[in-house]
Protein backbone atom coordinates (compact mmCIF):
# COMPACT_ATOMS: atom_id res chain seq x y z
CA MET A 1 12.91 -9.98 -12.28
CA LYS A 2 11.89 -7.17 -14.60
CA ILE A 3 14.52 -4.45 -14.99
CA LEU A 4 14.34 -1.07 -16.72
CA PHE A 5 17.71 0.18 -18.01
CA ASP A 6 18.10 3.95 -17.93
CA GLU A 7 19.27 5.56 -21.16
CA CYS A 8 22.79 5.88 -19.83
CA VAL A 9 23.22 2.13 -19.14
CA SER A 10 24.91 0.10 -21.87
CA ASN A 11 22.45 -2.23 -23.54
CA LEU A 12 25.29 -4.76 -23.89
CA LEU A 13 24.96 -5.48 -20.16
CA ARG A 14 21.65 -7.21 -20.92
CA GLU A 15 23.26 -10.43 -22.12
CA HIS A 16 25.11 -10.77 -18.80
CA LEU A 17 21.88 -10.87 -16.79
CA PRO A 18 20.24 -14.11 -17.92
CA GLY A 19 16.86 -14.88 -16.44
CA CYS A 20 15.97 -11.20 -16.14
CA GLU A 21 13.38 -9.52 -18.30
CA ILE A 22 15.11 -6.32 -19.41
CA PHE A 23 13.81 -3.31 -21.28
CA THR A 24 15.49 0.01 -22.00
CA VAL A 25 13.96 3.43 -21.57
CA ARG A 26 14.18 3.87 -25.35
CA GLU A 27 12.43 0.56 -26.03
CA MET A 28 9.59 1.72 -23.81
CA GLY A 29 9.33 5.00 -25.74
CA TRP A 30 10.28 7.02 -22.66
CA GLY A 31 13.50 8.55 -24.03
CA SER A 32 12.70 12.19 -23.28
CA LYS A 33 11.24 11.67 -19.80
CA SER A 34 12.70 13.11 -16.61
CA ASN A 35 13.93 10.75 -13.88
CA GLY A 36 10.88 11.41 -11.74
CA GLU A 37 8.56 10.66 -14.62
CA LEU A 38 10.52 7.50 -15.48
CA LEU A 39 10.14 6.22 -11.93
CA ARG A 40 6.39 6.88 -12.02
CA LEU A 41 5.99 5.19 -15.41
CA ALA A 42 8.06 2.17 -14.35
CA ALA A 43 6.17 1.69 -11.07
CA GLY A 44 3.94 -1.36 -11.19
CA SER A 45 5.57 -2.68 -14.37
CA PHE A 46 9.20 -3.08 -13.29
CA ASP A 47 10.97 -4.37 -10.19
CA VAL A 48 14.21 -2.42 -10.62
CA PHE A 49 15.30 0.79 -12.32
CA LEU A 50 19.00 0.48 -13.24
CA THR A 51 21.01 3.65 -13.78
CA VAL A 52 24.52 5.08 -13.57
CA ASP A 53 23.14 8.46 -12.47
CA GLN A 54 24.65 8.81 -9.00
CA ASN A 55 22.65 11.99 -8.36
CA LEU A 56 19.26 10.36 -8.87
CA ARG A 57 18.89 9.49 -5.20
CA PHE A 58 19.40 13.16 -4.29
CA GLN A 59 17.11 14.49 -7.02
CA GLN A 60 14.18 12.12 -6.48
CA ASN A 61 12.45 10.88 -3.36
CA ILE A 62 12.86 7.17 -3.98
CA LEU A 63 10.67 6.43 -0.96
CA ASP A 64 7.75 7.81 -2.99
CA SER A 65 8.31 5.37 -5.84
CA PRO A 66 7.27 1.71 -5.54
CA ILE A 67 10.27 0.58 -7.55
CA ALA A 68 13.79 -0.27 -6.40
CA VAL A 69 16.63 1.83 -7.81
CA VAL A 70 20.08 0.36 -8.39
CA VAL A 71 22.92 2.73 -9.21
CA LEU A 72 25.99 1.29 -10.94
CA VAL A 73 29.23 3.17 -10.35
CA VAL A 74 31.39 2.85 -13.45
CA SER A 75 34.16 5.05 -14.79
CA ARG A 76 32.96 4.78 -18.40
CA ASN A 77 29.92 3.50 -20.25
CA ARG A 78 31.67 0.49 -21.75
CA LEU A 79 30.86 -3.17 -21.25
CA LYS A 80 34.31 -3.93 -19.83
CA ASP A 81 33.64 -1.39 -17.05
CA TYR A 82 30.32 -3.05 -16.16
CA LEU A 83 31.56 -6.65 -16.10
CA PRO A 84 33.27 -6.51 -12.66
CA LEU A 85 29.89 -5.44 -11.23
CA VAL A 86 27.74 -8.18 -12.73
CA ASP A 87 27.81 -10.60 -9.78
CA LYS A 88 27.05 -7.83 -7.26
CA LEU A 89 24.34 -6.51 -9.56
CA LYS A 90 22.65 -9.91 -9.73
CA GLU A 91 22.67 -10.24 -5.93
CA THR A 92 21.50 -6.68 -5.40
CA SER A 93 18.69 -6.84 -7.95
CA VAL A 94 17.19 -9.80 -6.14
CA SER A 95 17.56 -8.39 -2.62
CA VAL A 96 16.82 -4.67 -3.02
CA LYS A 97 13.33 -3.75 -1.90
CA PRO A 98 10.84 -1.39 -3.52
CA ARG A 99 11.18 2.22 -2.33
CA HIS A 100 14.90 1.72 -1.69
CA HIS A 101 18.08 2.31 -3.62
CA CYS A 102 21.37 0.47 -3.69
CA ILE A 103 24.76 1.46 -5.03
CA VAL A 104 26.83 -1.20 -6.79
CA ASN A 105 30.53 -0.54 -7.22
CA VAL A 106 33.81 -2.46 -7.14
């Protein structure tokens, strides 16, 4: 599973997703790109785009992008806020299909 972390996702979450190949938007050199452009760039190279941007699904037509989008609902961008979601995130990342989105919350 190859996952692209949006800029707003804590990089510390990476170590809690063993077996996944994870890159950040910054590592890819895509730091100033819009969400639509990120989805286009990630298509074909990544399985999942992981974000905390709950508005992404309203701003972008995810059906037009051959990548799955997973939205994490957290109150703050701290590792302790992400940890309760890790098990659901693992399940969702494997089951979500391209051109779909899934919301992961507690």
